[in-house]
Amino acid sequence: MHIRSERGSITFLGLLFALFIVSSTLIHLYTLSQLHIKTRNKIKIYLCFKRQIKLTKNYLSKMGKLNKLISYSYKASFIPATSAISKVTHKSLIISQRIFHASVLKNISLLKDCPFTSRVNHLRSLPYQRRLGIFLKRHLDGTAKLRTHRWKMKTSHSILNFYLQVDMKVKNRFSNSLFATKTKEVRKRVKPYLNGWSGFHFY
């Protein structure tokens, strides 16, 4: 009877040990999988950010050049010798700018590796004034209006504890160069009442 009791205890301890090993292995695998997911998303968000900056630079460059041409053709339309052709050119340039602007909005909304919220923030951050979030507002000469000369662009992913931010600056609506400075990784803020909730810590 005593021997059976010892065997039963040994078997029970063996099962507990096996359960501990299995649990530890599962926890370790889960931790590794979470680390892999975070690393993969971190790589994606950096690639997304790089593409966003490049696309924004190209957008501002082309918009500035088109604004110059629109302004020149508008002024030339008041010269009798060039009035007719300048008016046609002026209208054509405005249409070209509209098409280009629309194509950029589409490209931003389809940016690879960019989460939906980052694409929305990118669209909102574009410095040209718009009606209904799409149509460009214009000056009397037909050039597109700037909303601001300085702005910040942010990109993040819900699973990551940081977001990427870059400060951008453009001289005026005719400028074809964008200054991107102070690119940095910023830690997300966590509401105090969430930190430490139910024994869990958010980092």
Protein backbone atom coordinates (compact mmCIF):
# COMPACT_ATOMS: atom_id res chain seq x y z
CA MET A 1 0.00 0.00 0.00
CA HIS A 2 2.85 2.31 0.93
CA ILE A 3 4.70 1.44 -2.29
CA ARG A 4 1.60 2.20 -4.40
CA SER A 5 1.26 5.57 -2.66
CA GLU A 6 4.89 6.43 -3.47
CA ARG A 7 4.43 5.36 -7.09
CA GLY A 8 1.30 7.50 -7.30
CA SER A 9 3.18 10.50 -5.89
CA ILE A 10 6.04 10.00 -8.33
CA THR A 11 3.60 9.73 -11.24
CA PHE A 12 1.79 12.88 -10.10
CA LEU A 13 5.09 14.78 -9.74
CA GLY A 14 6.13 13.53 -13.16
CA LEU A 15 2.92 14.82 -14.69
CA LEU A 16 3.38 18.18 -12.97
CA PHE A 17 6.94 18.39 -14.27
CA ALA A 18 5.82 17.48 -17.79
CA LEU A 19 3.04 20.06 -17.56
CA PHE A 20 5.57 22.66 -16.42
CA ILE A 21 7.88 21.85 -19.35
CA VAL A 22 5.02 22.00 -21.85
CA SER A 23 3.73 25.28 -20.38
CA SER A 24 7.19 26.83 -20.37
CA THR A 25 7.73 25.76 -23.97
CA LEU A 26 4.38 27.21 -25.04
CA ILE A 27 5.07 30.50 -23.25
CA HIS A 28 8.51 30.67 -24.84
CA LEU A 29 7.07 29.97 -28.31
CA TYR A 30 4.36 32.58 -27.76
CA THR A 31 6.97 35.14 -26.69
CA LEU A 32 9.07 34.37 -29.76
CA SER A 33 6.06 34.64 -32.04
CA GLN A 34 5.12 38.03 -30.54
CA LEU A 35 8.70 39.23 -30.95
CA HIS A 36 8.68 38.05 -34.56
CA ILE A 37 5.40 39.87 -35.23
CA LYS A 38 6.70 43.10 -33.66
CA THR A 39 9.98 42.90 -35.57
CA ARG A 40 8.16 42.27 -38.85
CA ASN A 41 5.78 45.18 -38.23
CA LYS A 42 8.67 47.43 -37.25
CA ILE A 43 10.42 46.69 -40.54
CA LYS A 44 7.15 47.31 -42.41
CA ILE A 45 6.54 50.65 -40.69
CA TYR A 46 10.04 51.87 -41.53
CA LEU A 47 9.58 50.86 -45.17
CA CYS A 48 6.21 52.58 -45.16
CA PHE A 49 7.74 55.76 -43.70
CA LYS A 50 10.50 55.77 -46.30
CA ARG A 51 7.97 55.44 -49.13
CA GLN A 52 5.77 58.17 -47.63
CA ILE A 53 8.64 60.65 -47.44
CA LYS A 54 9.75 59.86 -51.00
CA LEU A 55 6.21 60.18 -52.34
CA THR A 56 5.68 63.47 -50.50
CA LYS A 57 8.94 64.90 -51.88
CA ASN A 58 7.97 63.96 -55.43
CA TYR A 59 4.48 65.37 -54.91
CA LEU A 60 5.73 68.74 -53.62
CA SER A 61 8.34 68.97 -56.37
CA LYS A 62 5.82 68.38 -59.18
CA MET A 63 3.17 70.62 -57.58
CA GLY A 64 5.67 73.48 -57.25
CA LYS A 65 6.76 73.17 -60.89
CA LEU A 66 3.16 73.06 -62.10
CA ASN A 67 2.29 76.10 -59.97
CA LYS A 68 5.13 78.03 -61.64
CA LEU A 69 3.92 77.11 -65.12
CA ILE A 70 0.32 77.94 -64.22
CA SER A 71 1.41 81.35 -62.90
CA TYR A 72 3.52 82.07 -66.01
CA SER A 73 0.73 81.11 -68.39
CA TYR A 74 -1.76 83.23 -66.43
CA LYS A 75 0.48 86.30 -66.74
CA ALA A 76 1.14 85.57 -70.41
CA SER A 77 -2.61 85.47 -71.07
CA PHE A 78 -2.69 89.28 -70.60
CA ILE A 79 -0.18 89.81 -73.43
CA PRO A 80 -2.10 90.20 -76.72
CA ALA A 81 0.45 88.32 -78.80
CA THR A 82 0.32 85.24 -76.57
CA SER A 83 -3.14 85.59 -75.03
CA ALA A 84 -4.98 82.85 -76.95
CA ILE A 85 -2.37 80.11 -76.62
CA SER A 86 -1.63 81.09 -73.01
CA LYS A 87 -5.27 80.71 -71.98
CA VAL A 88 -5.42 77.23 -73.48
CA THR A 89 -2.09 76.34 -71.85
CA HIS A 90 -3.29 77.73 -68.52
CA LYS A 91 -6.41 75.56 -68.50
CA SER A 92 -4.46 72.49 -69.62
CA LEU A 93 -1.91 72.93 -66.85
CA ILE A 94 -4.62 73.21 -64.21
CA ILE A 95 -6.24 70.00 -65.51
CA SER A 96 -2.83 68.27 -65.49
CA GLN A 97 -2.28 69.35 -61.90
CA ARG A 98 -5.70 68.04 -60.89
CA ILE A 99 -4.97 64.67 -62.49
CA PHE A 100 -1.53 64.48 -60.89
CA HIS A 101 -2.94 65.44 -57.47
CA ALA A 102 -5.66 62.79 -57.74
CA SER A 103 -3.13 60.13 -58.74
CA VAL A 104 -0.98 60.95 -55.70
CA LEU A 105 -3.98 60.66 -53.37
CA LYS A 106 -4.70 57.26 -54.91
CA ASN A 107 -1.06 56.14 -54.57
CA ILE A 108 -0.97 57.19 -50.91
CA SER A 109 -4.18 55.28 -50.17
CA LEU A 110 -2.61 52.15 -51.69
CA LEU A 111 0.89 52.46 -50.20
CA LYS A 112 2.39 49.04 -49.53
CA ASP A 113 3.30 48.12 -45.93
CA CYS A 114 1.40 51.15 -44.58
CA PRO A 115 -1.41 50.56 -42.05
CA PHE A 116 -4.75 52.17 -42.85
CA THR A 117 -4.41 54.82 -40.12
CA SER A 118 -0.97 55.83 -41.41
CA ARG A 119 -2.32 56.25 -44.92
CA VAL A 120 -5.16 58.42 -43.61
CA ASN A 121 -2.73 60.56 -41.57
CA HIS A 122 -0.50 60.93 -44.63
CA LEU A 123 -3.41 62.14 -46.74
CA ARG A 124 -4.44 64.62 -44.07
CA SER A 125 -0.93 65.98 -43.64
CA LEU A 126 -0.46 67.07 -47.27
CA PRO A 127 0.14 70.85 -47.20
CA TYR A 128 -2.15 71.97 -50.01
CA GLN A 129 -5.61 73.28 -49.19
CA ARG A 130 -8.48 71.08 -50.33
CA ARG A 131 -12.24 71.06 -50.46
CA LEU A 132 -13.95 67.88 -49.25
CA GLY A 133 -10.46 66.49 -48.68
CA ILE A 134 -9.89 66.05 -52.43
CA PHE A 135 -10.27 69.14 -54.63
CA LEU A 136 -7.48 71.73 -54.61
CA LYS A 137 -8.25 75.30 -53.59
CA ARG A 138 -6.69 77.90 -55.88
CA HIS A 139 -5.47 81.49 -56.00
CA LEU A 140 -6.80 83.97 -58.55
CA ASP A 141 -4.02 82.99 -60.98
CA GLY A 142 -5.05 79.33 -60.77
CA THR A 143 -2.12 78.14 -58.65
CA ALA A 144 -2.87 75.66 -55.84
CA LYS A 145 -3.03 77.17 -52.34
CA LEU A 146 -0.76 76.02 -49.55
CA ARG A 147 -2.40 75.25 -46.22
CA THR A 148 0.86 75.54 -44.33
CA HIS A 149 4.61 75.86 -44.89
CA ARG A 150 5.52 73.56 -41.98
CA TRP A 151 3.91 70.32 -40.89
CA LYS A 152 4.59 66.98 -39.24
CA MET A 153 3.99 63.58 -40.74
CA LYS A 154 3.49 60.62 -38.41
CA THR A 155 3.38 56.90 -39.09
CA SER A 156 2.59 54.16 -36.60
CA HIS A 157 1.24 50.67 -36.10
CA SER A 158 -1.19 49.67 -33.35
CA ILE A 159 1.02 46.78 -32.19
CA LEU A 160 4.13 48.97 -31.77
CA ASN A 161 4.88 51.23 -28.78
CA PHE A 162 6.26 54.07 -30.89
CA TYR A 163 5.51 56.15 -33.96
CA LEU A 164 7.79 57.67 -36.57
CA GLN A 165 7.68 61.42 -37.11
CA VAL A 166 9.31 63.82 -39.54
CA ASP A 167 9.14 67.62 -39.62
CA MET A 168 8.60 68.95 -43.13
CA LYS A 169 8.96 72.41 -44.62
CA VAL A 170 8.36 73.99 -48.01
CA LYS A 171 9.31 77.58 -48.84
CA ASN A 172 6.26 78.57 -50.90
CA ARG A 173 3.75 77.19 -53.41
CA PHE A 174 6.29 77.55 -56.23
CA SER A 175 9.07 75.67 -54.46
CA ASN A 176 10.05 72.35 -55.99
CA SER A 177 12.12 71.20 -53.02
CA LEU A 178 10.94 69.79 -49.69
CA PHE A 179 12.99 70.01 -46.52
CA ALA A 180 12.50 66.94 -44.32
CA THR A 181 14.20 67.36 -40.94
CA LYS A 182 14.17 65.88 -37.45
CA THR A 183 13.13 62.39 -38.44
CA LYS A 184 12.70 60.50 -35.18
CA GLU A 185 11.13 57.58 -33.35
CA VAL A 186 8.72 58.81 -30.67
CA ARG A 187 7.45 56.67 -27.81
CA LYS A 188 3.67 56.47 -27.57
CA ARG A 189 2.04 57.85 -24.45
CA VAL A 190 0.01 55.45 -22.33
CA LYS A 191 -2.90 56.65 -20.22
CA PRO A 192 -2.02 56.36 -16.50
CA TYR A 193 -5.11 54.36 -15.59
CA LEU A 194 -4.18 51.72 -18.18
CA ASN A 195 -0.61 51.25 -17.01
CA GLY A 196 -0.45 48.34 -14.62
CA TRP A 197 -4.09 47.40 -15.10
CA SER A 198 -4.82 43.96 -13.66
CA GLY A 199 -1.15 43.26 -13.21
CA PHE A 200 -0.30 43.83 -16.86
CA HIS A 201 2.16 46.51 -17.90
CA PHE A 202 2.11 48.30 -21.22
CA TYR A 203 5.55 49.14 -22.56
